[in-house]
Amino acid sequence: MEKATRPASLADINAIFYIRTNVQENHLSHYQLAEMGITPEAIRQAISASPCAWIAEVDGTPVGFSMADAEDGCVFAAFVLPQFEGLGLGRRLMNEAEAFLSKTHQTIWLETAEGSRASGFYRNLGWRVVDNLSSGDVRFEKHLK
């Protein structure tokens, strides 16, 4: 099994949506994503403007992705298909996003549900809760060196 991460390209947009709509935790449908403004065109614009997304592959097949917003200093997506969890791909994807954001920010942030498995994952990567949000989510921050 060959594992790799690489910058996302415009050719990866369908894979990004496939992965995002096939996760178990924090699942959203295409319709729900579109209601939030997350459309193929929005992802196309983001990837075209900046190298802000990364793909995790197993044997050449996309199985995970992460995305970051350089302006806000935010990791706003990190997802791996359920059957490929536990292989270190999420950690690799977060490393890519953090390295990208470290070029312009000393402190970066993300939000996720307090009771989620992702919450524990981020804690294990050195992220710290800085705020409990009224939605039940928590805001994490990480100070970069």
N, C-alpha and C. Protein backbone atom coordinates (compact mmCIF):
# COMPACT_ATOMS: atom_id res chain seq x y z
N MET A 1 0.84 -1.18 0.00
CA MET A 1 0.00 0.00 0.00
C MET A 1 0.89 1.24 0.00
N GLU A 2 0.79 2.03 -1.06
CA GLU A 2 1.59 3.24 -1.17
C GLU A 2 0.74 4.44 -0.77
N LYS A 3 1.23 5.19 0.24
CA LYS A 3 0.52 6.38 0.74
C LYS A 3 1.31 7.62 0.35
N ALA A 4 0.58 8.67 -0.05
CA ALA A 4 1.24 9.91 -0.43
C ALA A 4 0.29 11.08 -0.20
N THR A 5 0.86 12.26 -0.05
CA THR A 5 0.08 13.49 -0.07
C THR A 5 0.68 14.39 -1.15
N ARG A 6 -0.17 15.22 -1.72
CA ARG A 6 0.26 16.13 -2.78
C ARG A 6 -0.70 17.31 -2.83
N PRO A 7 -0.27 18.41 -3.44
CA PRO A 7 -1.20 19.53 -3.63
C PRO A 7 -2.36 19.11 -4.51
N ALA A 8 -3.54 19.61 -4.18
CA ALA A 8 -4.73 19.33 -5.00
C ALA A 8 -4.65 20.13 -6.29
N SER A 9 -5.25 19.58 -7.33
CA SER A 9 -5.36 20.28 -8.61
C SER A 9 -6.85 20.40 -8.94
N LEU A 10 -7.15 21.15 -9.98
CA LEU A 10 -8.54 21.30 -10.41
C LEU A 10 -9.15 19.94 -10.77
N ALA A 11 -8.33 19.01 -11.22
CA ALA A 11 -8.81 17.68 -11.57
C ALA A 11 -9.29 16.90 -10.34
N ASP A 12 -8.97 17.38 -9.13
CA ASP A 12 -9.35 16.67 -7.90
C ASP A 12 -10.70 17.13 -7.32
N ILE A 13 -11.34 18.08 -7.94
CA ILE A 13 -12.57 18.64 -7.34
C ILE A 13 -13.64 17.57 -7.13
N ASN A 14 -13.87 16.71 -8.12
CA ASN A 14 -14.88 15.65 -7.93
C ASN A 14 -14.49 14.72 -6.78
N ALA A 15 -13.21 14.39 -6.66
CA ALA A 15 -12.75 13.53 -5.58
C ALA A 15 -12.96 14.21 -4.23
N ILE A 16 -12.69 15.51 -4.15
CA ILE A 16 -12.89 16.25 -2.91
C ILE A 16 -14.35 16.15 -2.48
N PHE A 17 -15.27 16.35 -3.40
CA PHE A 17 -16.70 16.26 -3.05
C PHE A 17 -17.11 14.83 -2.73
N TYR A 18 -16.54 13.86 -3.42
CA TYR A 18 -16.84 12.47 -3.10
C TYR A 18 -16.41 12.16 -1.66
N ILE A 19 -15.19 12.53 -1.32
CA ILE A 19 -14.68 12.27 0.03
C ILE A 19 -15.54 12.99 1.06
N ARG A 20 -15.81 14.28 0.83
CA ARG A 20 -16.55 15.08 1.82
C ARG A 20 -17.94 14.55 2.06
N THR A 21 -18.59 13.99 1.04
CA THR A 21 -19.96 13.50 1.20
C THR A 21 -20.02 12.02 1.58
N ASN A 22 -18.87 11.40 1.79
CA ASN A 22 -18.85 9.99 2.17
C ASN A 22 -18.16 9.72 3.50
N VAL A 23 -17.94 10.77 4.29
CA VAL A 23 -17.39 10.57 5.63
C VAL A 23 -18.53 10.23 6.58
N GLN A 24 -18.20 9.63 7.72
CA GLN A 24 -19.22 9.28 8.70
C GLN A 24 -19.45 10.43 9.68
N GLU A 25 -18.37 11.00 10.18
CA GLU A 25 -18.49 12.08 11.16
C GLU A 25 -18.57 13.42 10.43
N ASN A 26 -19.48 14.28 10.86
CA ASN A 26 -19.67 15.59 10.24
C ASN A 26 -20.06 15.45 8.77
N HIS A 27 -20.90 14.47 8.49
CA HIS A 27 -21.35 14.23 7.12
C HIS A 27 -22.24 15.37 6.63
N LEU A 28 -22.00 15.81 5.42
CA LEU A 28 -22.86 16.78 4.75
C LEU A 28 -23.12 16.29 3.32
N SER A 29 -24.33 16.54 2.83
CA SER A 29 -24.68 16.18 1.46
C SER A 29 -24.22 17.28 0.50
N HIS A 30 -24.29 16.98 -0.78
CA HIS A 30 -23.98 18.00 -1.79
C HIS A 30 -24.90 19.21 -1.60
N TYR A 31 -26.16 18.95 -1.33
CA TYR A 31 -27.13 20.03 -1.13
C TYR A 31 -26.74 20.90 0.07
N GLN A 32 -26.41 20.26 1.19
CA GLN A 32 -26.03 21.01 2.39
C GLN A 32 -24.76 21.83 2.15
N LEU A 33 -23.80 21.25 1.45
CA LEU A 33 -22.58 21.98 1.13
C LEU A 33 -22.89 23.20 0.27
N ALA A 34 -23.74 23.02 -0.74
CA ALA A 34 -24.11 24.12 -1.62
C ALA A 34 -24.80 25.24 -0.85
N GLU A 35 -25.65 24.86 0.11
CA GLU A 35 -26.31 25.88 0.94
C GLU A 35 -25.31 26.71 1.73
N MET A 36 -24.16 26.12 2.03
CA MET A 36 -23.10 26.82 2.75
C MET A 36 -22.15 27.56 1.81
N GLY A 37 -22.41 27.49 0.52
CA GLY A 37 -21.55 28.15 -0.46
C GLY A 37 -20.37 27.31 -0.91
N ILE A 38 -20.36 26.05 -0.51
CA ILE A 38 -19.26 25.15 -0.88
C ILE A 38 -19.69 24.38 -2.12
N THR A 39 -19.31 24.91 -3.27
CA THR A 39 -19.69 24.35 -4.55
C THR A 39 -18.42 24.01 -5.33
N PRO A 40 -18.56 23.21 -6.38
CA PRO A 40 -17.37 22.94 -7.20
C PRO A 40 -16.72 24.23 -7.71
N GLU A 41 -17.52 25.22 -8.07
CA GLU A 41 -16.96 26.48 -8.56
C GLU A 41 -16.19 27.20 -7.45
N ALA A 42 -16.71 27.19 -6.23
CA ALA A 42 -16.01 27.84 -5.11
C ALA A 42 -14.67 27.14 -4.84
N ILE A 43 -14.66 25.83 -4.90
CA ILE A 43 -13.41 25.08 -4.68
C ILE A 43 -12.46 25.35 -5.84
N ARG A 44 -12.97 25.41 -7.05
CA ARG A 44 -12.15 25.71 -8.23
C ARG A 44 -11.46 27.07 -8.05
N GLN A 45 -12.23 28.06 -7.62
CA GLN A 45 -11.66 29.40 -7.41
C GLN A 45 -10.58 29.38 -6.32
N ALA A 46 -10.85 28.67 -5.23
CA ALA A 46 -9.89 28.62 -4.13
C ALA A 46 -8.58 27.97 -4.56
N ILE A 47 -8.68 26.83 -5.23
CA ILE A 47 -7.48 26.12 -5.67
C ILE A 47 -6.73 26.92 -6.73
N SER A 48 -7.46 27.63 -7.59
CA SER A 48 -6.83 28.44 -8.63
C SER A 48 -6.09 29.63 -8.05
N ALA A 49 -6.61 30.18 -6.96
CA ALA A 49 -6.02 31.38 -6.36
C ALA A 49 -4.78 31.09 -5.53
N SER A 50 -4.71 29.90 -4.94
CA SER A 50 -3.62 29.61 -4.01
C SER A 50 -3.50 28.10 -3.83
N PRO A 51 -2.31 27.62 -3.50
CA PRO A 51 -2.17 26.18 -3.23
C PRO A 51 -2.72 25.86 -1.84
N CYS A 52 -4.04 25.85 -1.70
CA CYS A 52 -4.68 25.79 -0.38
C CYS A 52 -5.30 24.44 -0.06
N ALA A 53 -5.09 23.44 -0.90
CA ALA A 53 -5.72 22.13 -0.68
C ALA A 53 -4.72 21.03 -0.99
N TRP A 54 -4.86 19.94 -0.25
CA TRP A 54 -3.95 18.79 -0.41
C TRP A 54 -4.77 17.52 -0.47
N ILE A 55 -4.26 16.56 -1.20
CA ILE A 55 -4.92 15.27 -1.39
C ILE A 55 -4.05 14.18 -0.76
N ALA A 56 -4.68 13.27 -0.05
CA ALA A 56 -4.01 12.05 0.42
C ALA A 56 -4.44 10.92 -0.51
N GLU A 57 -3.47 10.17 -0.95
CA GLU A 57 -3.74 9.06 -1.86
C GLU A 57 -3.24 7.74 -1.27
N VAL A 58 -3.94 6.69 -1.62
CA VAL A 58 -3.48 5.33 -1.35
C VAL A 58 -3.46 4.63 -2.70
N ASP A 59 -2.30 4.15 -3.08
CA ASP A 59 -2.11 3.50 -4.37
C ASP A 59 -2.64 4.36 -5.52
N GLY A 60 -2.42 5.68 -5.42
CA GLY A 60 -2.79 6.59 -6.49
C GLY A 60 -4.24 7.04 -6.50
N THR A 61 -5.04 6.58 -5.55
CA THR A 61 -6.46 6.95 -5.48
C THR A 61 -6.68 7.95 -4.36
N PRO A 62 -7.33 9.10 -4.64
CA PRO A 62 -7.61 10.07 -3.58
C PRO A 62 -8.54 9.49 -2.51
N VAL A 63 -8.10 9.58 -1.24
CA VAL A 63 -8.91 9.04 -0.14
C VAL A 63 -9.09 10.05 1.00
N GLY A 64 -8.48 11.23 0.87
CA GLY A 64 -8.61 12.27 1.88
C GLY A 64 -8.16 13.60 1.33
N PHE A 65 -8.54 14.67 2.03
CA PHE A 65 -8.10 16.00 1.63
C PHE A 65 -8.12 16.93 2.81
N SER A 66 -7.36 18.00 2.71
CA SER A 66 -7.42 19.11 3.66
C SER A 66 -7.41 20.40 2.87
N MET A 67 -7.98 21.44 3.49
CA MET A 67 -7.99 22.77 2.88
C MET A 67 -7.77 23.81 3.97
N ALA A 68 -7.11 24.89 3.59
CA ALA A 68 -6.82 25.96 4.54
C ALA A 68 -7.08 27.31 3.87
N ASP A 69 -7.35 28.30 4.70
CA ASP A 69 -7.58 29.66 4.24
C ASP A 69 -6.44 30.53 4.74
N ALA A 70 -5.55 30.94 3.84
CA ALA A 70 -4.37 31.71 4.24
C ALA A 70 -4.73 33.06 4.82
N GLU A 71 -5.79 33.67 4.31
CA GLU A 71 -6.18 34.99 4.80
C GLU A 71 -6.65 34.92 6.26
N ASP A 72 -7.49 33.94 6.56
CA ASP A 72 -8.03 33.80 7.91
C ASP A 72 -7.14 33.01 8.85
N GLY A 73 -6.17 32.29 8.32
CA GLY A 73 -5.33 31.44 9.16
C GLY A 73 -6.07 30.24 9.70
N CYS A 74 -6.95 29.69 8.89
CA CYS A 74 -7.87 28.64 9.33
C CYS A 74 -7.70 27.36 8.53
N VAL A 75 -7.71 26.23 9.22
CA VAL A 75 -7.86 24.93 8.56
C VAL A 75 -9.36 24.68 8.54
N PHE A 76 -9.96 24.67 7.36
CA PHE A 76 -11.42 24.53 7.34
C PHE A 76 -11.91 23.19 6.82
N ALA A 77 -11.00 22.31 6.46
CA ALA A 77 -11.42 20.97 6.07
C ALA A 77 -10.26 20.00 6.23
N ALA A 78 -10.56 18.85 6.80
CA ALA A 78 -9.61 17.74 6.88
C ALA A 78 -10.44 16.47 7.01
N PHE A 79 -10.50 15.70 5.94
CA PHE A 79 -11.36 14.52 5.90
C PHE A 79 -10.65 13.36 5.23
N VAL A 80 -10.88 12.17 5.77
CA VAL A 80 -10.35 10.93 5.20
C VAL A 80 -11.51 9.94 5.14
N LEU A 81 -11.62 9.23 4.03
CA LEU A 81 -12.67 8.22 3.91
C LEU A 81 -12.54 7.21 5.05
N PRO A 82 -13.67 6.77 5.61
CA PRO A 82 -13.65 5.89 6.79
C PRO A 82 -12.77 4.65 6.64
N GLN A 83 -12.77 4.03 5.49
CA GLN A 83 -11.99 2.80 5.31
C GLN A 83 -10.49 3.03 5.26
N PHE A 84 -10.07 4.32 5.24
CA PHE A 84 -8.64 4.64 5.21
C PHE A 84 -8.19 5.39 6.46
N GLU A 85 -9.05 5.47 7.46
CA GLU A 85 -8.67 6.10 8.72
C GLU A 85 -7.65 5.22 9.44
N GLY A 86 -6.82 5.84 10.26
CA GLY A 86 -5.85 5.09 11.05
C GLY A 86 -4.55 4.79 10.32
N LEU A 87 -4.37 5.33 9.13
CA LEU A 87 -3.15 5.08 8.36
C LEU A 87 -2.17 6.25 8.42
N GLY A 88 -2.51 7.28 9.20
CA GLY A 88 -1.63 8.44 9.31
C GLY A 88 -1.89 9.50 8.25
N LEU A 89 -2.91 9.31 7.43
CA LEU A 89 -3.18 10.25 6.35
C LEU A 89 -3.72 11.58 6.87
N GLY A 90 -4.56 11.53 7.88
CA GLY A 90 -5.08 12.77 8.47
C GLY A 90 -3.96 13.61 9.04
N ARG A 91 -3.03 12.99 9.70
CA ARG A 91 -1.86 13.70 10.24
C ARG A 91 -1.05 14.33 9.11
N ARG A 92 -0.83 13.59 8.04
CA ARG A 92 -0.09 14.13 6.89
C ARG A 92 -0.81 15.33 6.29
N LEU A 93 -2.12 15.23 6.15
CA LEU A 93 -2.91 16.33 5.59
C LEU A 93 -2.86 17.56 6.49
N MET A 94 -2.94 17.35 7.79
CA MET A 94 -2.85 18.48 8.72
C MET A 94 -1.45 19.11 8.67
N ASN A 95 -0.42 18.28 8.54
CA ASN A 95 0.94 18.83 8.42
C ASN A 95 1.05 19.75 7.21
N GLU A 96 0.44 19.35 6.10
CA GLU A 96 0.47 20.18 4.89
C GLU A 96 -0.22 21.52 5.14
N ALA A 97 -1.42 21.47 5.72
CA ALA A 97 -2.19 22.70 5.98
C ALA A 97 -1.45 23.60 6.96
N GLU A 98 -0.90 23.02 8.02
CA GLU A 98 -0.19 23.81 9.02
C GLU A 98 1.06 24.46 8.43
N ALA A 99 1.80 23.72 7.62
CA ALA A 99 3.01 24.28 7.00
C ALA A 99 2.64 25.44 6.08
N PHE A 100 1.57 25.30 5.34
CA PHE A 100 1.10 26.36 4.46
C PHE A 100 0.73 27.61 5.27
N LEU A 101 -0.04 27.42 6.34
CA LEU A 101 -0.48 28.57 7.15
C LEU A 101 0.67 29.19 7.94
N SER A 102 1.68 28.41 8.25
CA SER A 102 2.81 28.95 9.03
C SER A 102 3.58 30.02 8.27
N LYS A 103 3.41 30.08 6.97
CA LYS A 103 4.10 31.09 6.17
C LYS A 103 3.56 32.49 6.43
N THR A 104 2.30 32.57 6.89
CA THR A 104 1.67 33.89 7.07
C THR A 104 1.06 34.11 8.46
N HIS A 105 1.07 33.09 9.30
CA HIS A 105 0.42 33.21 10.61
C HIS A 105 1.25 32.53 11.70
N GLN A 106 1.26 33.14 12.88
CA GLN A 106 1.90 32.52 14.04
C GLN A 106 0.91 31.66 14.82
N THR A 107 -0.37 32.03 14.75
CA THR A 107 -1.43 31.27 15.40
C THR A 107 -2.48 30.94 14.35
N ILE A 108 -2.87 29.67 14.31
CA ILE A 108 -3.89 29.23 13.36
C ILE A 108 -5.06 28.64 14.14
N TRP A 109 -6.19 28.46 13.47
CA TRP A 109 -7.38 28.00 14.19
C TRP A 109 -8.23 27.08 13.31
N LEU A 110 -9.14 26.39 14.00
CA LEU A 110 -10.16 25.57 13.36
C LEU A 110 -11.29 25.38 14.35
N GLU A 111 -12.42 24.92 13.85
CA GLU A 111 -13.57 24.63 14.71
C GLU A 111 -14.08 23.24 14.39
N THR A 112 -14.55 22.55 15.44
CA THR A 112 -15.15 21.24 15.27
C THR A 112 -16.06 20.96 16.46
N ALA A 113 -16.85 19.92 16.36
CA ALA A 113 -17.76 19.54 17.45
C ALA A 113 -16.94 19.04 18.64
N GLU A 114 -17.30 19.50 19.82
CA GLU A 114 -16.57 19.12 21.04
C GLU A 114 -16.53 17.61 21.23
N GLY A 115 -17.63 16.93 21.00
CA GLY A 115 -17.71 15.50 21.26
C GLY A 115 -17.26 14.62 20.11
N SER A 116 -16.65 15.20 19.10
CA SER A 116 -16.27 14.43 17.92
C SER A 116 -14.94 13.71 18.11
N ARG A 117 -14.72 12.68 17.30
CA ARG A 117 -13.41 12.03 17.29
C ARG A 117 -12.36 13.00 16.79
N ALA A 118 -12.76 13.89 15.88
CA ALA A 118 -11.83 14.89 15.35
C ALA A 118 -11.27 15.76 16.47
N SER A 119 -12.09 16.07 17.46
CA SER A 119 -11.64 16.88 18.59
C SER A 119 -10.44 16.24 19.28
N GLY A 120 -10.51 14.95 19.52
CA GLY A 120 -9.39 14.23 20.12
C GLY A 120 -8.18 14.17 19.20
N PHE A 121 -8.44 14.01 17.92
CA PHE A 121 -7.37 13.99 16.92
C PHE A 121 -6.59 15.30 16.95
N TYR A 122 -7.31 16.43 16.94
CA TYR A 122 -6.63 17.72 16.96
C TYR A 122 -5.86 17.93 18.26
N ARG A 123 -6.42 17.51 19.37
CA ARG A 123 -5.71 17.63 20.64
C ARG A 123 -4.38 16.86 20.57
N ASN A 124 -4.42 15.67 19.99
CA ASN A 124 -3.21 14.86 19.87
C ASN A 124 -2.16 15.50 18.97
N LEU A 125 -2.60 16.42 18.11
CA LEU A 125 -1.66 17.11 17.22
C LEU A 125 -1.19 18.44 17.80
N GLY A 126 -1.54 18.70 19.06
CA GLY A 126 -1.05 19.90 19.73
C GLY A 126 -1.97 21.10 19.67
N TRP A 127 -3.17 20.93 19.16
CA TRP A 127 -4.14 22.02 19.14
C TRP A 127 -4.77 22.15 20.52
N ARG A 128 -5.13 23.37 20.91
CA ARG A 128 -5.72 23.65 22.22
C ARG A 128 -7.06 24.37 22.06
N VAL A 129 -8.05 23.95 22.86
CA VAL A 129 -9.35 24.60 22.86
C VAL A 129 -9.21 25.98 23.49
N VAL A 130 -9.73 27.00 22.79
CA VAL A 130 -9.67 28.36 23.31
C VAL A 130 -11.06 28.95 23.52
N ASP A 131 -12.11 28.28 22.99
CA ASP A 131 -13.45 28.81 23.15
C ASP A 131 -14.48 27.71 22.92
N ASN A 132 -15.51 27.71 23.77
CA ASN A 132 -16.66 26.84 23.57
C ASN A 132 -17.74 27.68 22.90
N LEU A 133 -18.17 27.27 21.72
CA LEU A 133 -19.13 28.04 20.95
C LEU A 133 -20.56 27.61 21.27
N SER A 134 -21.49 28.51 21.10
CA SER A 134 -22.89 28.23 21.46
C SER A 134 -23.48 27.10 20.62
N SER A 135 -22.90 26.82 19.48
CA SER A 135 -23.39 25.75 18.60
C SER A 135 -23.03 24.36 19.10
N GLY A 136 -22.20 24.27 20.13
CA GLY A 136 -21.70 22.98 20.60
C GLY A 136 -20.32 22.67 20.03
N ASP A 137 -19.86 23.51 19.13
CA ASP A 137 -18.52 23.36 18.59
C ASP A 137 -17.51 24.01 19.53
N VAL A 138 -16.26 23.70 19.30
CA VAL A 138 -15.17 24.35 20.03
C VAL A 138 -14.21 24.96 19.02
N ARG A 139 -13.58 26.04 19.42
CA ARG A 139 -12.54 26.66 18.60
C ARG A 139 -11.21 26.21 19.14
N PHE A 140 -10.40 25.66 18.26
CA PHE A 140 -9.04 25.25 18.57
C PHE A 140 -8.08 26.28 18.00
N GLU A 141 -6.95 26.46 18.67
CA GLU A 141 -5.86 27.23 18.12
C GLU A 141 -4.58 26.46 18.30
N LYS A 142 -3.64 26.76 17.43
CA LYS A 142 -2.30 26.18 17.53
C LYS A 142 -1.31 27.30 17.27
N HIS A 143 -0.36 27.42 18.17
CA HIS A 143 0.69 28.42 18.01
C HIS A 143 1.85 27.75 17.28
N LEU A 144 2.27 28.34 16.18
CA LEU A 144 3.33 27.78 15.37
C LEU A 144 4.65 28.44 15.72
N LYS A 145 5.72 27.72 15.54
CA LYS A 145 7.05 28.24 15.87
C LYS A 145 7.64 28.99 14.71
